[in-house]
Amino acid sequence: MTLPADGESVITLKVWQLMVIGLGVLAAAYTLLGMGNGPSSTPSSSSSVVQQAQMNELQQLVDVAPAVYAFHTKHTSYAGLKLAPATGVAVVNASKATYCLETTGATPHVFKNGPTAHMMIGTCASPAAGTPISG
């Protein structure tokens, strides 16, 4: 089998697609699991409101994933990574090999402490104290 002259672009595109699909599946699973409390038809408690806030924060991290991946692909580093304030996600730190992204909206914040890390409820300032999204 012969790859096209720009075979690297084809491979990059497929990895990017898998990453976006995986993040979509994570978001869908999180929605279905409802943080372990099951579905609720009305936000009758503060717990439901917190869960909705967490879902919004999670979606913001999912939405910036393609931009973060594209930046790393272009620069082979996360150093210098910046995100627009309108994304609702801040780059707390970024180096050649890793980063920590945190949502900037109302608490509870959601963060991702590196490209292979899971999204967590908490902050980049205390990643070990974070709570896994899956509950």
C-alpha atoms as a PDB file:
ATOM      1  CA  MET A   1       0.000   0.000   0.000  1.00  0.00           C
ATOM      2  CA  THR A   2       1.343   3.408  -0.944  1.00  0.00           C
ATOM      3  CA  LEU A   3       0.544   6.467   1.162  1.00  0.00           C
ATOM      4  CA  PRO A   4      -0.079   9.826  -0.486  1.00  0.00           C
ATOM      5  CA  ALA A   5       2.767  12.336  -0.447  1.00  0.00           C
ATOM      6  CA  ASP A   6       1.125  14.046   2.498  1.00  0.00           C
ATOM      7  CA  GLY A   7       0.522  10.778   4.374  1.00  0.00           C
ATOM      8  CA  GLU A   8       1.316  12.456   7.687  1.00  0.00           C
ATOM      9  CA  SER A   9      -1.672  14.765   7.248  1.00  0.00           C
ATOM     10  CA  VAL A  10      -3.944  11.784   6.670  1.00  0.00           C
ATOM     11  CA  ILE A  11      -2.735  10.130   9.885  1.00  0.00           C
ATOM     12  CA  THR A  12      -3.033  13.384  11.844  1.00  0.00           C
ATOM     13  CA  LEU A  13      -6.591  13.843  10.660  1.00  0.00           C
ATOM     14  CA  LYS A  14      -7.558  10.348  11.759  1.00  0.00           C
ATOM     15  CA  VAL A  15      -6.025  10.800  15.220  1.00  0.00           C
ATOM     16  CA  TRP A  16      -7.802  14.160  15.554  1.00  0.00           C
ATOM     17  CA  GLN A  17     -11.099  12.558  14.558  1.00  0.00           C
ATOM     18  CA  LEU A  18     -10.663   9.782  17.118  1.00  0.00           C
ATOM     19  CA  MET A  19      -9.869  12.340  19.814  1.00  0.00           C
ATOM     20  CA  VAL A  20     -13.002  14.359  19.076  1.00  0.00           C
ATOM     21  CA  ILE A  21     -15.148  11.221  18.961  1.00  0.00           C
ATOM     22  CA  GLY A  22     -13.655  10.014  22.248  1.00  0.00           C
ATOM     23  CA  LEU A  23     -14.350  13.325  23.948  1.00  0.00           C
ATOM     24  CA  GLY A  24     -17.904  13.248  22.587  1.00  0.00           C
ATOM     25  CA  VAL A  25     -18.399   9.757  24.002  1.00  0.00           C
ATOM     26  CA  LEU A  26     -17.039  10.922  27.361  1.00  0.00           C
ATOM     27  CA  ALA A  27     -19.461  13.857  27.397  1.00  0.00           C
ATOM     28  CA  ALA A  28     -22.374  11.605  26.407  1.00  0.00           C
ATOM     29  CA  ALA A  29     -21.484   9.048  29.096  1.00  0.00           C
ATOM     30  CA  TYR A  30     -21.237  11.803  31.670  1.00  0.00           C
ATOM     31  CA  THR A  31     -24.659  13.084  30.636  1.00  0.00           C
ATOM     32  CA  LEU A  32     -26.229   9.620  30.819  1.00  0.00           C
ATOM     33  CA  LEU A  33     -24.653   8.859  34.181  1.00  0.00           C
ATOM     34  CA  GLY A  34     -25.749  12.214  35.604  1.00  0.00           C
ATOM     35  CA  MET A  35     -22.887  12.097  38.125  1.00  0.00           C
ATOM     36  CA  GLY A  36     -24.407   8.915  39.605  1.00  0.00           C
ATOM     37  CA  ASN A  37     -27.747  10.450  40.574  1.00  0.00           C
ATOM     38  CA  GLY A  38     -29.720   9.322  37.531  1.00  0.00           C
ATOM     39  CA  PRO A  39     -31.687  11.529  35.172  1.00  0.00           C
ATOM     40  CA  SER A  40     -33.785  14.332  36.564  1.00  0.00           C
ATOM     41  CA  SER A  41     -36.700  15.887  34.713  1.00  0.00           C
ATOM     42  CA  THR A  42     -36.557  19.157  36.649  1.00  0.00           C
ATOM     43  CA  PRO A  43     -33.716  20.917  38.398  1.00  0.00           C
ATOM     44  CA  SER A  44     -35.502  20.843  41.754  1.00  0.00           C
ATOM     45  CA  SER A  45     -32.427  20.814  43.954  1.00  0.00           C
ATOM     46  CA  SER A  46     -29.141  22.618  44.185  1.00  0.00           C
ATOM     47  CA  SER A  47     -27.489  19.293  43.273  1.00  0.00           C
ATOM     48  CA  SER A  48     -29.155  19.382  39.854  1.00  0.00           C
ATOM     49  CA  VAL A  49     -28.016  22.958  39.336  1.00  0.00           C
ATOM     50  CA  VAL A  50     -24.428  22.026  40.242  1.00  0.00           C
ATOM     51  CA  GLN A  51     -24.556  19.094  37.842  1.00  0.00           C
ATOM     52  CA  GLN A  52     -25.733  21.347  35.016  1.00  0.00           C
ATOM     53  CA  ALA A  53     -22.933  23.802  35.790  1.00  0.00           C
ATOM     54  CA  GLN A  54     -20.437  20.932  35.693  1.00  0.00           C
ATOM     55  CA  MET A  55     -21.828  19.795  32.330  1.00  0.00           C
ATOM     56  CA  ASN A  56     -21.414  23.294  30.911  1.00  0.00           C
ATOM     57  CA  GLU A  57     -17.845  23.461  32.216  1.00  0.00           C
ATOM     58  CA  LEU A  58     -17.074  19.990  30.822  1.00  0.00           C
ATOM     59  CA  GLN A  59     -18.423  20.999  27.408  1.00  0.00           C
ATOM     60  CA  GLN A  60     -16.118  24.019  27.360  1.00  0.00           C
ATOM     61  CA  LEU A  61     -13.082  21.755  27.802  1.00  0.00           C
ATOM     62  CA  VAL A  62     -14.375  19.395  25.115  1.00  0.00           C
ATOM     63  CA  ASP A  63     -14.877  22.335  22.752  1.00  0.00           C
ATOM     64  CA  VAL A  64     -11.267  23.585  23.049  1.00  0.00           C
ATOM     65  CA  ALA A  65      -9.679  20.128  22.596  1.00  0.00           C
ATOM     66  CA  PRO A  66      -9.298  20.423  18.789  1.00  0.00           C
ATOM     67  CA  ALA A  67      -7.569  23.823  19.129  1.00  0.00           C
ATOM     68  CA  VAL A  68      -5.179  22.465  21.781  1.00  0.00           C
ATOM     69  CA  TYR A  69      -4.391  19.429  19.634  1.00  0.00           C
ATOM     70  CA  ALA A  70      -3.869  21.593  16.526  1.00  0.00           C
ATOM     71  CA  PHE A  71      -1.510  23.909  18.443  1.00  0.00           C
ATOM     72  CA  HIS A  72       0.580  20.946  19.625  1.00  0.00           C
ATOM     73  CA  THR A  73       0.645  19.442  16.145  1.00  0.00           C
ATOM     74  CA  LYS A  74       1.892  22.697  14.650  1.00  0.00           C
ATOM     75  CA  HIS A  75       4.432  23.596  17.360  1.00  0.00           C
ATOM     76  CA  THR A  76       5.311  20.119  18.779  1.00  0.00           C
ATOM     77  CA  SER A  77       4.890  21.738  22.188  1.00  0.00           C
ATOM     78  CA  TYR A  78       2.162  23.150  24.427  1.00  0.00           C
ATOM     79  CA  ALA A  79       4.447  26.031  25.505  1.00  0.00           C
ATOM     80  CA  GLY A  80       2.910  29.308  24.403  1.00  0.00           C
ATOM     81  CA  LEU A  81      -0.598  27.864  24.166  1.00  0.00           C
ATOM     82  CA  LYS A  82      -3.243  30.576  24.547  1.00  0.00           C
ATOM     83  CA  LEU A  83      -7.037  30.322  24.373  1.00  0.00           C
ATOM     84  CA  ALA A  84      -9.464  33.158  23.752  1.00  0.00           C
ATOM     85  CA  PRO A  85     -11.293  34.336  26.909  1.00  0.00           C
ATOM     86  CA  ALA A  86     -14.597  33.665  25.143  1.00  0.00           C
ATOM     87  CA  THR A  87     -13.875  29.911  25.313  1.00  0.00           C
ATOM     88  CA  GLY A  88     -14.362  29.962  29.077  1.00  0.00           C
ATOM     89  CA  VAL A  89     -11.134  27.981  29.490  1.00  0.00           C
ATOM     90  CA  ALA A  90      -7.808  29.308  30.784  1.00  0.00           C
ATOM     91  CA  VAL A  91      -4.370  27.856  30.170  1.00  0.00           C
ATOM     92  CA  VAL A  92      -3.075  27.781  33.754  1.00  0.00           C
ATOM     93  CA  ASN A  93       0.286  26.385  32.691  1.00  0.00           C
ATOM     94  CA  ALA A  94       1.799  24.944  29.543  1.00  0.00           C
ATOM     95  CA  SER A  95       5.193  23.448  28.774  1.00  0.00           C
ATOM     96  CA  LYS A  96       6.699  21.411  25.969  1.00  0.00           C
ATOM     97  CA  ALA A  97       5.100  18.149  27.090  1.00  0.00           C
ATOM     98  CA  THR A  98       2.034  19.051  29.133  1.00  0.00           C
ATOM     99  CA  TYR A  99      -0.508  21.649  30.214  1.00  0.00           C
ATOM    100  CA  CYS A 100      -3.257  22.340  32.719  1.00  0.00           C
ATOM    101  CA  LEU A 101      -6.503  23.819  31.425  1.00  0.00           C
ATOM    102  CA  GLU A 102      -9.215  25.074  33.763  1.00  0.00           C
ATOM    103  CA  THR A 103     -12.656  26.493  33.166  1.00  0.00           C
ATOM    104  CA  THR A 104     -13.152  30.098  34.234  1.00  0.00           C
ATOM    105  CA  GLY A 105     -16.910  30.200  34.841  1.00  0.00           C
ATOM    106  CA  ALA A 106     -18.825  29.752  38.050  1.00  0.00           C
ATOM    107  CA  THR A 107     -17.587  27.087  40.413  1.00  0.00           C
ATOM    108  CA  PRO A 108     -17.277  24.175  40.469  1.00  0.00           C
ATOM    109  CA  HIS A 109     -14.457  24.414  37.946  1.00  0.00           C
ATOM    110  CA  VAL A 110     -13.451  21.553  35.702  1.00  0.00           C
ATOM    111  CA  PHE A 111      -9.802  21.036  34.755  1.00  0.00           C
ATOM    112  CA  LYS A 112      -7.612  18.782  32.643  1.00  0.00           C
ATOM    113  CA  ASN A 113      -4.056  18.358  33.902  1.00  0.00           C
ATOM    114  CA  GLY A 114      -2.299  17.140  30.769  1.00  0.00           C
ATOM    115  CA  PRO A 115      -3.050  15.553  27.423  1.00  0.00           C
ATOM    116  CA  THR A 116      -3.610  12.045  28.804  1.00  0.00           C
ATOM    117  CA  ALA A 117      -5.310  13.059  32.055  1.00  0.00           C
ATOM    118  CA  HIS A 118      -9.011  12.733  32.729  1.00  0.00           C
ATOM    119  CA  MET A 119     -11.180  15.792  33.203  1.00  0.00           C
ATOM    120  CA  MET A 120     -11.718  16.472  36.898  1.00  0.00           C
ATOM    121  CA  ILE A 121     -13.798  18.740  39.103  1.00  0.00           C
ATOM    122  CA  GLY A 122     -11.435  21.075  40.951  1.00  0.00           C
ATOM    123  CA  THR A 123      -8.554  23.341  40.037  1.00  0.00           C
ATOM    124  CA  CYS A 124      -5.116  23.195  38.479  1.00  0.00           C
ATOM    125  CA  ALA A 125      -3.775  24.634  41.742  1.00  0.00           C
ATOM    126  CA  SER A 126      -4.678  21.377  43.555  1.00  0.00           C
ATOM    127  CA  PRO A 127      -4.863  18.627  40.935  1.00  0.00           C
ATOM    128  CA  ALA A 128      -4.469  15.834  43.495  1.00  0.00           C
ATOM    129  CA  ALA A 129      -7.606  17.086  45.278  1.00  0.00           C
ATOM    130  CA  GLY A 130      -9.684  16.890  42.079  1.00  0.00           C
ATOM    131  CA  THR A 131     -12.775  14.719  41.841  1.00  0.00           C
ATOM    132  CA  PRO A 132     -13.137  12.434  38.821  1.00  0.00           C
ATOM    133  CA  ILE A 133     -15.967  13.448  36.493  1.00  0.00           C
ATOM    134  CA  SER A 134     -17.315   9.906  36.329  1.00  0.00           C
ATOM    135  CA  GLY A 135     -18.058  10.068  40.037  1.00  0.00           C
END
